[in-house]
Amino acid sequence: MNQPLAFIHPEAKIATNVVVEPFATISKNVSIDEGCWIGSNVVINEGARIGKNVRIHSGSVVSGIPQDLKFKGEESVVEIGDNTVIRECVTISRGTAASNRTSIGFNCLIMAYAHIAHDCLIGNHCILANSVQLAGHVTIGDFAIVGGLSAVHQFAKVGCHAMISGGSLVRKDVPPYTLAGREPLSFCGINSIGLRRRDFSNDQINEIQEIYRYLYLRGWNNSIAIDMINIKLPNSPEKDIIMNFIRNSDRGIMKGYQS
């Protein structure tokens, strides 16, 4: 829907049933798919690729220039998946030459005042609560939840189905299916309530719990724990996901509970 009080660059590709509220600004080299709603005072800069039925609330800035001194104006994008909701005053930077994209999956909720820096990769069905701050190159797995006012260090990874307590400082990688909290950030159990809501069986949940007992509760270092998990516990998709995450962790995983 054309809005005379909004600025829409003539080269922007916008589906016919997109609603753009007054005082929004949409630059060239932008595509917005059908069913989207763009709130007032939203700024969508070059490189935005917005899927279907996305809602972007007032004051948000999408596809801003990266806050990275290495950025030299290279072409890059921000991708936002279908049915994602971006609340007020969220800022999302586009990618740099490192990956050329920042990506948010489908069915995500990004709450007010969150910041998603350059080259971040956020999976599907994720929730970033109010004022979450992601540094560059952060990876968030599917169904992960990051509590409000949390800050995530650059290059850190959060595994699928993990849940991080509000106000956390995430300096290390957070493995899949876990609950993370305290300072320094530590293992607080597995996200059993979230897993049940997503139709994980009791057997799957018990298996995940047993893996993390080996990893965090038996007093072994990570190398011994991983060897014992591979030897003693049966193979499964969940075990593969956990082991692959740990194997590919560059920053190292969070510690066990610190009393």
C-alpha atoms as a PDB file:
ATOM      1  CA  MET A   1       0.000   0.000   0.000  1.00  0.00           C
ATOM      2  CA  ASN A   2       1.536   3.320  -1.039  1.00  0.00           C
ATOM      3  CA  GLN A   3       1.871   5.747   1.841  1.00  0.00           C
ATOM      4  CA  PRO A   4       2.401   9.369   0.773  1.00  0.00           C
ATOM      5  CA  LEU A   5       4.095  10.267   4.062  1.00  0.00           C
ATOM      6  CA  ALA A   6       6.685   7.464   3.735  1.00  0.00           C
ATOM      7  CA  PHE A   7       9.774   7.516   1.518  1.00  0.00           C
ATOM      8  CA  ILE A   8       9.998   4.422  -0.686  1.00  0.00           C
ATOM      9  CA  HIS A   9      12.805   4.349  -3.238  1.00  0.00           C
ATOM     10  CA  PRO A  10      11.446   3.607  -6.711  1.00  0.00           C
ATOM     11  CA  GLU A  11      13.921   0.745  -7.127  1.00  0.00           C
ATOM     12  CA  ALA A  12      12.761  -1.059  -3.953  1.00  0.00           C
ATOM     13  CA  LYS A  13      10.884  -4.295  -4.692  1.00  0.00           C
ATOM     14  CA  ILE A  14       7.807  -4.358  -2.491  1.00  0.00           C
ATOM     15  CA  ALA A  15       4.836  -6.730  -2.833  1.00  0.00           C
ATOM     16  CA  THR A  16       1.499  -5.106  -3.564  1.00  0.00           C
ATOM     17  CA  ASN A  17      -0.145  -5.952  -0.226  1.00  0.00           C
ATOM     18  CA  VAL A  18       2.672  -4.681   2.024  1.00  0.00           C
ATOM     19  CA  VAL A  19       1.519  -1.986   4.468  1.00  0.00           C
ATOM     20  CA  VAL A  20       3.977   0.876   5.031  1.00  0.00           C
ATOM     21  CA  GLU A  21       3.041   3.325   7.764  1.00  0.00           C
ATOM     22  CA  PRO A  22       3.817   7.082   7.700  1.00  0.00           C
ATOM     23  CA  PHE A  23       7.409   8.324   8.012  1.00  0.00           C
ATOM     24  CA  ALA A  24       9.018   4.966   7.212  1.00  0.00           C
ATOM     25  CA  THR A  25      12.070   5.053   4.929  1.00  0.00           C
ATOM     26  CA  ILE A  26      12.818   2.243   2.472  1.00  0.00           C
ATOM     27  CA  SER A  27      15.987   2.465   0.368  1.00  0.00           C
ATOM     28  CA  LYS A  28      16.918   0.972  -2.989  1.00  0.00           C
ATOM     29  CA  ASN A  29      18.169  -2.613  -3.250  1.00  0.00           C
ATOM     30  CA  VAL A  30      15.484  -3.750  -0.790  1.00  0.00           C
ATOM     31  CA  SER A  31      12.951  -6.534  -1.288  1.00  0.00           C
ATOM     32  CA  ILE A  32       9.874  -6.998   0.917  1.00  0.00           C
ATOM     33  CA  ASP A  33       7.597  -9.979   0.299  1.00  0.00           C
ATOM     34  CA  GLU A  34       3.829 -10.160   0.615  1.00  0.00           C
ATOM     35  CA  GLY A  35       1.886  -9.639   3.828  1.00  0.00           C
ATOM     36  CA  CYS A  36       4.478  -7.506   5.627  1.00  0.00           C
ATOM     37  CA  TRP A  37       3.728  -4.551   7.878  1.00  0.00           C
ATOM     38  CA  ILE A  38       6.309  -1.767   8.236  1.00  0.00           C
ATOM     39  CA  GLY A  39       5.657   0.550  11.164  1.00  0.00           C
ATOM     40  CA  SER A  40       6.117   4.284  11.345  1.00  0.00           C
ATOM     41  CA  ASN A  41       9.664   5.657  11.569  1.00  0.00           C
ATOM     42  CA  VAL A  42      11.189   2.337  10.514  1.00  0.00           C
ATOM     43  CA  VAL A  43      14.346   2.652   8.389  1.00  0.00           C
ATOM     44  CA  ILE A  44      15.126  -0.168   5.956  1.00  0.00           C
ATOM     45  CA  ASN A  45      18.484   0.360   4.292  1.00  0.00           C
ATOM     46  CA  GLU A  46      20.080  -1.164   1.217  1.00  0.00           C
ATOM     47  CA  GLY A  47      20.562  -4.920   1.282  1.00  0.00           C
ATOM     48  CA  ALA A  48      17.432  -5.908   3.223  1.00  0.00           C
ATOM     49  CA  ARG A  49      15.737  -9.121   2.081  1.00  0.00           C
ATOM     50  CA  ILE A  50      12.486  -9.473   4.018  1.00  0.00           C
ATOM     51  CA  GLY A  51      10.268 -12.547   3.734  1.00  0.00           C
ATOM     52  CA  LYS A  52       6.488 -12.943   3.999  1.00  0.00           C
ATOM     53  CA  ASN A  53       4.288 -11.668   6.841  1.00  0.00           C
ATOM     54  CA  VAL A  54       7.128  -9.964   8.687  1.00  0.00           C
ATOM     55  CA  ARG A  55       6.118  -7.206  11.132  1.00  0.00           C
ATOM     56  CA  ILE A  56       8.641  -4.459  11.910  1.00  0.00           C
ATOM     57  CA  HIS A  57       7.627  -2.010  14.626  1.00  0.00           C
ATOM     58  CA  SER A  58       8.337   1.677  15.040  1.00  0.00           C
ATOM     59  CA  GLY A  59      11.868   3.000  15.256  1.00  0.00           C
ATOM     60  CA  SER A  60      13.673  -0.129  14.081  1.00  0.00           C
ATOM     61  CA  VAL A  61      16.635   0.099  11.704  1.00  0.00           C
ATOM     62  CA  VAL A  62      17.162  -2.889   9.392  1.00  0.00           C
ATOM     63  CA  SER A  63      20.303  -3.447   7.308  1.00  0.00           C
ATOM     64  CA  GLY A  64      22.339  -0.668   8.889  1.00  0.00           C
ATOM     65  CA  ILE A  65      26.001  -0.275   7.977  1.00  0.00           C
ATOM     66  CA  PRO A  66      28.096  -2.628  10.164  1.00  0.00           C
ATOM     67  CA  GLN A  67      29.754  -1.134  13.232  1.00  0.00           C
ATOM     68  CA  ASP A  68      33.040  -2.691  12.139  1.00  0.00           C
ATOM     69  CA  LEU A  69      36.129  -0.697  11.197  1.00  0.00           C
ATOM     70  CA  LYS A  70      37.070  -3.387   8.659  1.00  0.00           C
ATOM     71  CA  PHE A  71      33.925  -2.724   6.657  1.00  0.00           C
ATOM     72  CA  LYS A  72      34.805  -1.033   3.362  1.00  0.00           C
ATOM     73  CA  GLY A  73      31.381  -0.651   1.796  1.00  0.00           C
ATOM     74  CA  GLU A  74      31.220  -4.136   0.278  1.00  0.00           C
ATOM     75  CA  GLU A  75      27.842  -5.395  -0.912  1.00  0.00           C
ATOM     76  CA  SER A  76      26.063  -7.469   1.726  1.00  0.00           C
ATOM     77  CA  VAL A  77      22.568  -8.262   2.957  1.00  0.00           C
ATOM     78  CA  VAL A  78      20.246  -8.803   5.899  1.00  0.00           C
ATOM     79  CA  GLU A  79      17.858 -11.722   5.476  1.00  0.00           C
ATOM     80  CA  ILE A  80      14.684 -11.935   7.592  1.00  0.00           C
ATOM     81  CA  GLY A  81      12.555 -15.073   7.362  1.00  0.00           C
ATOM     82  CA  ASP A  82       8.795 -15.406   7.083  1.00  0.00           C
ATOM     83  CA  ASN A  83       6.521 -14.544  10.037  1.00  0.00           C
ATOM     84  CA  THR A  84       9.268 -12.955  12.117  1.00  0.00           C
ATOM     85  CA  VAL A  85       8.302 -10.065  14.406  1.00  0.00           C
ATOM     86  CA  ILE A  86      10.739  -7.222  15.112  1.00  0.00           C
ATOM     87  CA  ARG A  87       9.620  -4.950  17.905  1.00  0.00           C
ATOM     88  CA  GLU A  88      10.387  -1.298  18.624  1.00  0.00           C
ATOM     89  CA  CYS A  89      13.843   0.222  18.138  1.00  0.00           C
ATOM     90  CA  VAL A  90      15.642  -2.974  17.140  1.00  0.00           C
ATOM     91  CA  THR A  91      18.865  -2.469  15.131  1.00  0.00           C
ATOM     92  CA  ILE A  92      20.123  -5.079  12.675  1.00  0.00           C
ATOM     93  CA  SER A  93      23.417  -4.594  10.832  1.00  0.00           C
ATOM     94  CA  ARG A  94      24.104  -6.148   7.444  1.00  0.00           C
ATOM     95  CA  GLY A  95      27.036  -8.463   6.828  1.00  0.00           C
ATOM     96  CA  THR A  96      30.671  -7.747   6.059  1.00  0.00           C
ATOM     97  CA  ALA A  97      33.130  -9.417   3.712  1.00  0.00           C
ATOM     98  CA  ALA A  98      33.470 -12.227   6.271  1.00  0.00           C
ATOM     99  CA  SER A  99      30.149 -13.775   5.209  1.00  0.00           C
ATOM    100  CA  ASN A 100      28.304 -11.018   3.324  1.00  0.00           C
ATOM    101  CA  ARG A 101      25.115 -11.564   5.288  1.00  0.00           C
ATOM    102  CA  THR A 102      23.295 -11.280   8.565  1.00  0.00           C
ATOM    103  CA  SER A 103      20.439 -13.772   8.749  1.00  0.00           C
ATOM    104  CA  ILE A 104      17.347 -14.176  10.929  1.00  0.00           C
ATOM    105  CA  GLY A 105      15.192 -17.260  10.391  1.00  0.00           C
ATOM    106  CA  PHE A 106      11.432 -17.678  10.254  1.00  0.00           C
ATOM    107  CA  ASN A 107       8.955 -17.378  13.153  1.00  0.00           C
ATOM    108  CA  CYS A 108      11.405 -15.443  15.346  1.00  0.00           C
ATOM    109  CA  LEU A 109      10.550 -12.765  17.907  1.00  0.00           C
ATOM    110  CA  ILE A 110      13.097  -9.971  18.352  1.00  0.00           C
ATOM    111  CA  MET A 111      11.934  -7.802  21.241  1.00  0.00           C
ATOM    112  CA  ALA A 112      12.406  -4.073  21.751  1.00  0.00           C
ATOM    113  CA  TYR A 113      15.856  -2.453  21.764  1.00  0.00           C
ATOM    114  CA  ALA A 114      17.708  -5.626  20.783  1.00  0.00           C
ATOM    115  CA  HIS A 115      20.828  -5.260  18.621  1.00  0.00           C
ATOM    116  CA  ILE A 116      21.941  -7.862  16.083  1.00  0.00           C
ATOM    117  CA  ALA A 117      25.400  -7.071  14.758  1.00  0.00           C
ATOM    118  CA  HIS A 118      27.016  -7.888  11.431  1.00  0.00           C
ATOM    119  CA  ASP A 119      27.352 -11.492  10.246  1.00  0.00           C
ATOM    120  CA  CYS A 120      25.097 -12.935  12.950  1.00  0.00           C
ATOM    121  CA  LEU A 121      23.169 -16.089  12.054  1.00  0.00           C
ATOM    122  CA  ILE A 122      19.940 -16.646  13.964  1.00  0.00           C
ATOM    123  CA  GLY A 123      17.936 -19.823  13.415  1.00  0.00           C
ATOM    124  CA  ASN A 124      14.194 -20.414  13.257  1.00  0.00           C
ATOM    125  CA  HIS A 125      11.691 -19.982  16.134  1.00  0.00           C
ATOM    126  CA  CYS A 126      14.216 -18.008  18.211  1.00  0.00           C
ATOM    127  CA  ILE A 127      13.364 -15.391  20.841  1.00  0.00           C
ATOM    128  CA  LEU A 128      15.670 -12.520  21.752  1.00  0.00           C
ATOM    129  CA  ALA A 129      14.106 -10.673  24.686  1.00  0.00           C
ATOM    130  CA  ASN A 130      14.269  -6.938  25.345  1.00  0.00           C
ATOM    131  CA  SER A 131      17.674  -5.266  24.990  1.00  0.00           C
ATOM    132  CA  VAL A 132      19.609  -8.403  24.076  1.00  0.00           C
ATOM    133  CA  GLN A 133      22.903  -7.370  22.477  1.00  0.00           C
ATOM    134  CA  LEU A 134      24.595  -9.675  19.968  1.00  0.00           C
ATOM    135  CA  ALA A 135      28.130  -8.841  18.881  1.00  0.00           C
ATOM    136  CA  GLY A 136      29.387  -9.718  15.411  1.00  0.00           C
ATOM    137  CA  HIS A 137      29.484 -13.277  14.055  1.00  0.00           C
ATOM    138  CA  VAL A 138      27.231 -14.733  16.766  1.00  0.00           C
ATOM    139  CA  THR A 139      25.320 -17.921  15.888  1.00  0.00           C
ATOM    140  CA  ILE A 140      21.994 -18.773  17.569  1.00  0.00           C
ATOM    141  CA  GLY A 141      20.447 -22.212  16.981  1.00  0.00           C
ATOM    142  CA  ASP A 142      16.799 -23.014  16.294  1.00  0.00           C
ATOM    143  CA  PHE A 143      14.312 -22.547  19.182  1.00  0.00           C
ATOM    144  CA  ALA A 144      16.918 -20.846  21.381  1.00  0.00           C
ATOM    145  CA  ILE A 145      15.785 -18.169  23.849  1.00  0.00           C
ATOM    146  CA  VAL A 146      18.067 -15.391  25.106  1.00  0.00           C
ATOM    147  CA  GLY A 147      16.807 -13.529  28.181  1.00  0.00           C
ATOM    148  CA  GLY A 148      16.518  -9.761  28.359  1.00  0.00           C
ATOM    149  CA  LEU A 149      19.555  -7.519  28.884  1.00  0.00           C
ATOM    150  CA  SER A 150      21.944 -10.333  27.963  1.00  0.00           C
ATOM    151  CA  ALA A 151      25.121  -9.610  26.007  1.00  0.00           C
ATOM    152  CA  VAL A 152      26.686 -12.219  23.722  1.00  0.00           C
ATOM    153  CA  HIS A 153      30.410 -12.047  22.879  1.00  0.00           C
ATOM    154  CA  GLN A 154      31.517 -11.954  19.244  1.00  0.00           C
ATOM    155  CA  PHE A 155      31.865 -15.370  17.574  1.00  0.00           C
ATOM    156  CA  ALA A 156      29.967 -17.057  20.413  1.00  0.00           C
ATOM    157  CA  LYS A 157      27.473 -19.819  19.620  1.00  0.00           C
ATOM    158  CA  VAL A 158      24.207 -20.722  21.316  1.00  0.00           C
ATOM    159  CA  GLY A 159      22.928 -24.221  20.567  1.00  0.00           C
ATOM    160  CA  CYS A 160      19.426 -25.191  19.507  1.00  0.00           C
ATOM    161  CA  HIS A 161      16.715 -25.310  22.213  1.00  0.00           C
ATOM    162  CA  ALA A 162      19.019 -23.602  24.737  1.00  0.00           C
ATOM    163  CA  MET A 163      17.651 -21.004  27.141  1.00  0.00           C
ATOM    164  CA  ILE A 164      19.805 -18.248  28.651  1.00  0.00           C
ATOM    165  CA  SER A 165      18.836 -16.371  31.795  1.00  0.00           C
ATOM    166  CA  GLY A 166      18.157 -12.652  31.614  1.00  0.00           C
ATOM    167  CA  GLY A 167      21.093 -10.347  32.309  1.00  0.00           C
ATOM    168  CA  SER A 168      23.678 -12.936  31.304  1.00  0.00           C
ATOM    169  CA  LEU A 169      27.158 -12.265  29.924  1.00  0.00           C
ATOM    170  CA  VAL A 170      27.702 -14.971  27.301  1.00  0.00           C
ATOM    171  CA  ARG A 171      31.461 -15.300  26.858  1.00  0.00           C
ATOM    172  CA  LYS A 172      31.538 -19.024  26.043  1.00  0.00           C
ATOM    173  CA  ASP A 173      29.459 -21.242  23.775  1.00  0.00           C
ATOM    174  CA  VAL A 174      26.179 -22.539  25.203  1.00  0.00           C
ATOM    175  CA  PRO A 175      25.532 -26.170  24.187  1.00  0.00           C
ATOM    176  CA  PRO A 176      22.189 -27.356  22.767  1.00  0.00           C
ATOM    177  CA  TYR A 177      19.198 -28.156  25.004  1.00  0.00           C
ATOM    178  CA  THR A 178      20.719 -26.515  28.096  1.00  0.00           C
ATOM    179  CA  LEU A 179      19.697 -23.906  30.643  1.00  0.00           C
ATOM    180  CA  ALA A 180      22.387 -21.301  31.253  1.00  0.00           C
ATOM    181  CA  GLY A 181      22.589 -18.753  34.048  1.00  0.00           C
ATOM    182  CA  ARG A 182      24.618 -17.283  36.928  1.00  0.00           C
ATOM    183  CA  GLU A 183      27.880 -15.343  36.682  1.00  0.00           C
ATOM    184  CA  PRO A 184      30.102 -16.564  35.204  1.00  0.00           C
ATOM    185  CA  LEU A 185      27.612 -18.221  32.864  1.00  0.00           C
ATOM    186  CA  SER A 186      27.234 -21.860  33.879  1.00  0.00           C
ATOM    187  CA  PHE A 187      25.264 -25.024  33.168  1.00  0.00           C
ATOM    188  CA  CYS A 188      22.009 -25.021  35.160  1.00  0.00           C
ATOM    189  CA  GLY A 189      20.370 -28.156  33.772  1.00  0.00           C
ATOM    190  CA  ILE A 190      18.607 -28.935  30.531  1.00  0.00           C
ATOM    191  CA  ASN A 191      15.662 -27.077  29.065  1.00  0.00           C
ATOM    192  CA  SER A 192      13.236 -29.888  29.829  1.00  0.00           C
ATOM    193  CA  ILE A 193      10.118 -27.704  29.892  1.00  0.00           C
ATOM    194  CA  GLY A 194      10.923 -26.243  26.484  1.00  0.00           C
ATOM    195  CA  LEU A 195      11.695 -29.698  25.091  1.00  0.00           C
ATOM    196  CA  ARG A 196       8.355 -31.079  26.308  1.00  0.00           C
ATOM    197  CA  ARG A 197       6.541 -28.157  24.723  1.00  0.00           C
ATOM    198  CA  ARG A 198       8.231 -29.101  21.447  1.00  0.00           C
ATOM    199  CA  ASP A 199       7.123 -32.740  21.694  1.00  0.00           C
ATOM    200  CA  PHE A 200      10.404 -34.329  22.736  1.00  0.00           C
ATOM    201  CA  SER A 201       9.660 -37.714  24.308  1.00  0.00           C
ATOM    202  CA  ASN A 202      10.620 -38.648  27.876  1.00  0.00           C
ATOM    203  CA  ASP A 203      13.206 -41.040  26.455  1.00  0.00           C
ATOM    204  CA  GLN A 204      14.814 -38.250  24.407  1.00  0.00           C
ATOM    205  CA  ILE A 205      14.849 -35.897  27.391  1.00  0.00           C
ATOM    206  CA  ASN A 206      16.336 -38.567  29.673  1.00  0.00           C
ATOM    207  CA  GLU A 207      19.026 -39.306  27.096  1.00  0.00           C
ATOM    208  CA  ILE A 208      19.962 -35.612  26.829  1.00  0.00           C
ATOM    209  CA  GLN A 209      20.101 -35.386  30.635  1.00  0.00           C
ATOM    210  CA  GLU A 210      22.435 -38.382  30.777  1.00  0.00           C
ATOM    211  CA  ILE A 211      24.791 -36.849  28.221  1.00  0.00           C
ATOM    212  CA  TYR A 212      25.083 -33.683  30.304  1.00  0.00           C
ATOM    213  CA  ARG A 213      25.559 -35.683  33.506  1.00  0.00           C
ATOM    214  CA  TYR A 214      28.651 -37.184  31.882  1.00  0.00           C
ATOM    215  CA  LEU A 215      29.804 -33.799  30.659  1.00  0.00           C
ATOM    216  CA  TYR A 216      29.152 -31.645  33.713  1.00  0.00           C
ATOM    217  CA  LEU A 217      28.399 -33.680  36.831  1.00  0.00           C
ATOM    218  CA  ARG A 218      30.988 -36.454  37.014  1.00  0.00           C
ATOM    219  CA  GLY A 219      34.042 -34.309  37.616  1.00  0.00           C
ATOM    220  CA  TRP A 220      35.748 -35.238  34.338  1.00  0.00           C
ATOM    221  CA  ASN A 221      37.457 -32.811  31.994  1.00  0.00           C
ATOM    222  CA  ASN A 222      35.790 -32.337  28.618  1.00  0.00           C
ATOM    223  CA  SER A 223      38.088 -34.707  26.734  1.00  0.00           C
ATOM    224  CA  ILE A 224      37.430 -37.630  29.088  1.00  0.00           C
ATOM    225  CA  ALA A 225      33.700 -36.845  29.271  1.00  0.00           C
ATOM    226  CA  ILE A 226      33.399 -36.800  25.486  1.00  0.00           C
ATOM    227  CA  ASP A 227      35.253 -40.107  25.189  1.00  0.00           C
ATOM    228  CA  MET A 228      32.990 -41.704  27.788  1.00  0.00           C
ATOM    229  CA  ILE A 229      29.851 -40.343  26.113  1.00  0.00           C
ATOM    230  CA  ASN A 230      30.941 -41.808  22.790  1.00  0.00           C
ATOM    231  CA  ILE A 231      31.752 -45.185  24.381  1.00  0.00           C
ATOM    232  CA  LYS A 232      28.982 -45.609  26.937  1.00  0.00           C
ATOM    233  CA  LEU A 233      25.887 -43.871  25.546  1.00  0.00           C
ATOM    234  CA  PRO A 234      23.812 -44.992  22.548  1.00  0.00           C
ATOM    235  CA  ASN A 235      23.880 -43.095  19.288  1.00  0.00           C
ATOM    236  CA  SER A 236      20.997 -40.761  18.498  1.00  0.00           C
ATOM    237  CA  PRO A 237      20.307 -37.533  16.591  1.00  0.00           C
ATOM    238  CA  GLU A 238      20.440 -35.549  19.847  1.00  0.00           C
ATOM    239  CA  LYS A 239      23.789 -37.033  20.793  1.00  0.00           C
ATOM    240  CA  ASP A 240      25.160 -36.167  17.338  1.00  0.00           C
ATOM    241  CA  ILE A 241      23.940 -32.571  17.652  1.00  0.00           C
ATOM    242  CA  ILE A 242      25.568 -32.145  21.078  1.00  0.00           C
ATOM    243  CA  MET A 243      28.846 -33.783  20.092  1.00  0.00           C
ATOM    244  CA  ASN A 244      29.114 -31.827  16.842  1.00  0.00           C
ATOM    245  CA  PHE A 245      28.445 -28.580  18.694  1.00  0.00           C
ATOM    246  CA  ILE A 246      31.196 -29.261  21.235  1.00  0.00           C
ATOM    247  CA  ARG A 247      33.596 -30.454  18.532  1.00  0.00           C
ATOM    248  CA  ASN A 248      33.082 -27.234  16.559  1.00  0.00           C
ATOM    249  CA  SER A 249      33.234 -24.857  19.533  1.00  0.00           C
ATOM    250  CA  ASP A 250      36.025 -22.359  18.940  1.00  0.00           C
ATOM    251  CA  ARG A 251      35.536 -20.397  22.156  1.00  0.00           C
ATOM    252  CA  GLY A 252      34.952 -23.443  24.355  1.00  0.00           C
ATOM    253  CA  ILE A 253      31.713 -24.331  26.091  1.00  0.00           C
ATOM    254  CA  MET A 254      30.391 -22.827  29.310  1.00  0.00           C
ATOM    255  CA  LYS A 255      31.482 -24.385  32.580  1.00  0.00           C
ATOM    256  CA  GLY A 256      29.491 -26.531  34.942  1.00  0.00           C
ATOM    257  CA  TYR A 257      27.698 -25.077  37.957  1.00  0.00           C
ATOM    258  CA  GLN A 258      30.038 -22.926  40.053  1.00  0.00           C
ATOM    259  CA  SER A 259      29.136 -23.080  43.772  1.00  0.00           C
END
